[in-house]
N, C-alpha and C. Protein backbone atom coordinates (compact mmCIF):
# COMPACT_ATOMS: atom_id res chain seq x y z
N MET A 1 93.51 110.95 54.73
CA MET A 1 92.89 110.96 56.03
C MET A 1 91.82 112.04 56.02
N THR A 2 90.64 111.71 56.46
CA THR A 2 89.55 112.66 56.51
C THR A 2 89.58 113.40 57.83
N LEU A 3 89.43 114.71 57.76
CA LEU A 3 89.42 115.50 58.98
C LEU A 3 87.98 115.73 59.42
N ALA A 4 87.77 115.73 60.72
CA ALA A 4 86.45 115.98 61.26
C ALA A 4 86.08 117.45 61.06
N HIS A 5 84.81 117.71 60.82
CA HIS A 5 84.35 119.07 60.62
C HIS A 5 83.33 119.44 61.68
N SER A 6 83.28 120.72 61.98
CA SER A 6 82.25 121.20 62.90
C SER A 6 81.58 122.40 62.26
N THR A 7 80.60 122.94 62.96
CA THR A 7 79.89 124.09 62.42
C THR A 7 80.60 125.40 62.71
N ALA A 8 81.64 125.38 63.52
CA ALA A 8 82.41 126.59 63.80
C ALA A 8 83.16 127.02 62.55
N THR A 9 83.57 128.27 62.52
CA THR A 9 84.32 128.74 61.35
C THR A 9 85.81 128.66 61.64
N ALA A 10 86.57 128.42 60.60
CA ALA A 10 88.02 128.27 60.72
C ALA A 10 88.70 129.60 60.51
N GLY A 11 89.46 130.04 61.49
CA GLY A 11 90.26 131.24 61.34
C GLY A 11 89.48 132.48 60.97
N GLY A 12 88.24 132.56 61.39
CA GLY A 12 87.45 133.73 61.09
C GLY A 12 86.95 133.78 59.65
N ASN A 13 87.00 132.66 58.95
CA ASN A 13 86.50 132.60 57.58
C ASN A 13 85.08 132.08 57.59
N PRO A 14 84.08 132.98 57.52
CA PRO A 14 82.68 132.53 57.55
C PRO A 14 82.38 131.56 56.41
N GLY A 15 81.63 130.54 56.73
CA GLY A 15 81.22 129.56 55.73
C GLY A 15 82.21 128.45 55.50
N ARG A 16 83.39 128.55 56.09
CA ARG A 16 84.40 127.50 55.94
C ARG A 16 84.43 126.68 57.23
N PRO A 17 84.19 125.37 57.14
CA PRO A 17 84.15 124.55 58.37
C PRO A 17 85.51 124.46 59.05
N ALA A 18 85.49 124.39 60.37
CA ALA A 18 86.72 124.24 61.14
C ALA A 18 87.21 122.80 61.03
N ARG A 19 88.50 122.62 61.12
CA ARG A 19 89.09 121.28 61.09
C ARG A 19 89.58 120.91 62.48
N ALA A 20 89.44 119.65 62.81
CA ALA A 20 89.89 119.15 64.11
C ALA A 20 91.27 118.54 63.97
N VAL A 21 92.10 118.71 64.97
CA VAL A 21 93.41 118.07 64.99
C VAL A 21 93.20 116.62 65.39
N ILE A 22 93.69 115.69 64.56
CA ILE A 22 93.50 114.27 64.85
C ILE A 22 94.82 113.54 65.05
N GLY A 23 95.94 114.23 64.85
CA GLY A 23 97.23 113.60 65.03
C GLY A 23 98.33 114.62 65.02
N ALA A 24 99.51 114.19 65.45
CA ALA A 24 100.66 115.09 65.48
C ALA A 24 101.89 114.35 64.98
N LEU A 25 102.59 114.99 64.07
CA LEU A 25 103.84 114.46 63.54
C LEU A 25 104.98 115.26 64.15
N PHE A 26 105.86 114.58 64.86
CA PHE A 26 107.00 115.22 65.50
C PHE A 26 108.27 114.88 64.73
N ILE A 27 109.01 115.90 64.33
CA ILE A 27 110.27 115.69 63.61
C ILE A 27 111.36 116.42 64.37
N ASP A 28 112.35 115.69 64.80
CA ASP A 28 113.50 116.25 65.52
C ASP A 28 114.67 116.29 64.53
N MET A 29 114.91 117.46 63.98
CA MET A 29 115.96 117.60 62.97
C MET A 29 117.37 117.50 63.56
N GLN A 30 117.54 117.86 64.81
CA GLN A 30 118.86 117.81 65.43
C GLN A 30 119.30 116.36 65.65
N ASN A 31 118.41 115.52 66.13
CA ASN A 31 118.74 114.12 66.39
C ASN A 31 118.26 113.19 65.26
N VAL A 32 117.68 113.74 64.23
CA VAL A 32 117.19 113.04 63.04
C VAL A 32 116.32 111.84 63.42
N ARG A 33 115.14 112.19 63.94
CA ARG A 33 114.16 111.17 64.31
C ARG A 33 112.76 111.75 64.13
N ALA A 34 111.77 110.86 64.03
CA ALA A 34 110.38 111.29 63.85
C ALA A 34 109.44 110.28 64.47
N LYS A 35 108.25 110.77 64.89
CA LYS A 35 107.20 109.89 65.39
C LYS A 35 105.86 110.54 65.09
N TYR A 36 104.81 109.73 65.08
CA TYR A 36 103.45 110.20 64.83
C TYR A 36 102.57 109.74 65.97
N GLU A 37 101.78 110.65 66.55
CA GLU A 37 100.83 110.30 67.60
C GLU A 37 99.42 110.55 67.09
N CYS A 38 98.60 109.50 67.10
CA CYS A 38 97.21 109.60 66.66
C CYS A 38 96.33 109.90 67.87
N LEU A 39 95.54 110.94 67.77
CA LEU A 39 94.66 111.31 68.88
C LEU A 39 93.34 110.55 68.85
N ARG A 40 93.05 109.87 67.76
CA ARG A 40 91.82 109.07 67.67
C ARG A 40 92.00 107.70 68.32
N CYS A 41 93.07 107.00 67.97
CA CYS A 41 93.25 105.65 68.50
C CYS A 41 94.30 105.59 69.62
N ARG A 42 94.89 106.74 69.92
CA ARG A 42 95.85 106.87 71.03
C ARG A 42 97.10 106.00 70.85
N THR A 43 97.54 105.85 69.61
CA THR A 43 98.76 105.09 69.38
C THR A 43 99.88 106.01 68.93
N VAL A 44 101.10 105.50 69.07
CA VAL A 44 102.29 106.21 68.61
C VAL A 44 102.98 105.32 67.60
N GLU A 45 103.31 105.88 66.45
CA GLU A 45 104.09 105.15 65.45
C GLU A 45 105.47 105.77 65.42
N GLY A 46 106.48 104.93 65.41
CA GLY A 46 107.84 105.41 65.51
C GLY A 46 108.26 105.33 66.96
N PRO A 47 109.36 105.91 67.32
CA PRO A 47 110.17 106.79 66.49
C PRO A 47 111.02 106.02 65.49
N VAL A 48 111.35 106.70 64.42
CA VAL A 48 112.31 106.19 63.45
C VAL A 48 113.53 107.10 63.50
N TYR A 49 114.68 106.54 63.18
CA TYR A 49 115.93 107.28 63.28
C TYR A 49 116.70 107.24 61.97
N GLY A 50 117.39 108.31 61.66
CA GLY A 50 118.22 108.37 60.48
C GLY A 50 117.53 109.10 59.33
N THR A 51 118.33 109.74 58.51
CA THR A 51 117.81 110.58 57.44
C THR A 51 116.88 109.82 56.49
N ASP A 52 117.31 108.68 56.00
CA ASP A 52 116.48 107.93 55.05
C ASP A 52 115.20 107.42 55.69
N ALA A 53 115.29 106.92 56.90
CA ALA A 53 114.11 106.39 57.59
C ALA A 53 113.11 107.50 57.90
N VAL A 54 113.60 108.66 58.35
CA VAL A 54 112.72 109.79 58.65
C VAL A 54 112.05 110.29 57.38
N THR A 55 112.80 110.40 56.30
CA THR A 55 112.24 110.87 55.03
C THR A 55 111.11 109.94 54.56
N ALA A 56 111.33 108.64 54.61
CA ALA A 56 110.31 107.67 54.19
C ALA A 56 109.11 107.71 55.13
N PHE A 57 109.34 107.79 56.42
CA PHE A 57 108.27 107.82 57.42
C PHE A 57 107.36 109.03 57.21
N VAL A 58 107.96 110.20 57.05
CA VAL A 58 107.19 111.43 56.87
C VAL A 58 106.39 111.37 55.57
N ALA A 59 106.97 110.82 54.53
CA ALA A 59 106.28 110.73 53.23
C ALA A 59 105.09 109.77 53.28
N ASP A 60 105.13 108.75 54.11
CA ASP A 60 104.11 107.70 54.09
C ASP A 60 103.12 107.68 55.24
N ILE A 61 103.39 108.33 56.35
CA ILE A 61 102.55 108.16 57.55
C ILE A 61 101.11 108.62 57.34
N ARG A 62 100.88 109.65 56.55
CA ARG A 62 99.51 110.15 56.33
C ARG A 62 98.64 109.14 55.59
N THR A 63 99.24 108.30 54.80
CA THR A 63 98.45 107.30 54.08
C THR A 63 98.47 105.93 54.75
N THR A 64 99.55 105.60 55.45
CA THR A 64 99.64 104.27 56.07
C THR A 64 98.91 104.17 57.40
N HIS A 65 98.96 105.20 58.23
CA HIS A 65 98.31 105.09 59.54
C HIS A 65 96.80 104.89 59.44
N PRO A 66 96.08 105.61 58.58
CA PRO A 66 94.63 105.38 58.52
C PRO A 66 94.23 103.94 58.19
N THR A 67 95.09 103.19 57.55
CA THR A 67 94.77 101.79 57.25
C THR A 67 94.83 100.91 58.50
N ARG A 68 95.51 101.40 59.54
CA ARG A 68 95.65 100.65 60.79
C ARG A 68 94.89 101.26 61.96
N CYS A 69 94.39 102.48 61.79
CA CYS A 69 93.78 103.22 62.89
C CYS A 69 92.48 102.57 63.35
N THR A 70 92.39 102.26 64.62
CA THR A 70 91.19 101.66 65.18
C THR A 70 90.20 102.73 65.66
N GLY A 71 90.60 103.98 65.62
CA GLY A 71 89.75 105.06 66.11
C GLY A 71 88.96 105.78 65.04
N LEU A 72 89.09 105.36 63.80
CA LEU A 72 88.35 106.02 62.73
C LEU A 72 86.87 105.70 62.83
N GLN A 73 86.04 106.72 62.85
CA GLN A 73 84.60 106.55 62.95
C GLN A 73 83.94 106.57 61.57
N GLU A 74 84.57 107.23 60.63
CA GLU A 74 84.00 107.38 59.29
C GLU A 74 84.47 106.25 58.37
N PRO A 75 83.65 105.88 57.40
CA PRO A 75 84.10 104.88 56.44
C PRO A 75 85.24 105.42 55.59
N ARG A 76 86.19 104.58 55.31
CA ARG A 76 87.32 105.00 54.48
C ARG A 76 86.96 104.89 53.01
N PRO A 77 87.45 105.86 52.20
CA PRO A 77 87.16 105.79 50.75
C PRO A 77 87.88 104.66 50.08
């Protein structure tokens, strides 16, 4: 997933572009569930429940969601 860049500096590091938050991954370890919210296309994937499902979801969401995201403005590699 490509992150948007701006001309601002990240964390006070001159010359390093700032990154924009484009999504949030929520993991609830107590109830063993996870979901992903995309801020570009305003969709929610999940929640998924159970240790195996959460492990697979977390491992794959960064690569699978961009293939479905309707809010991506940049061409995908």
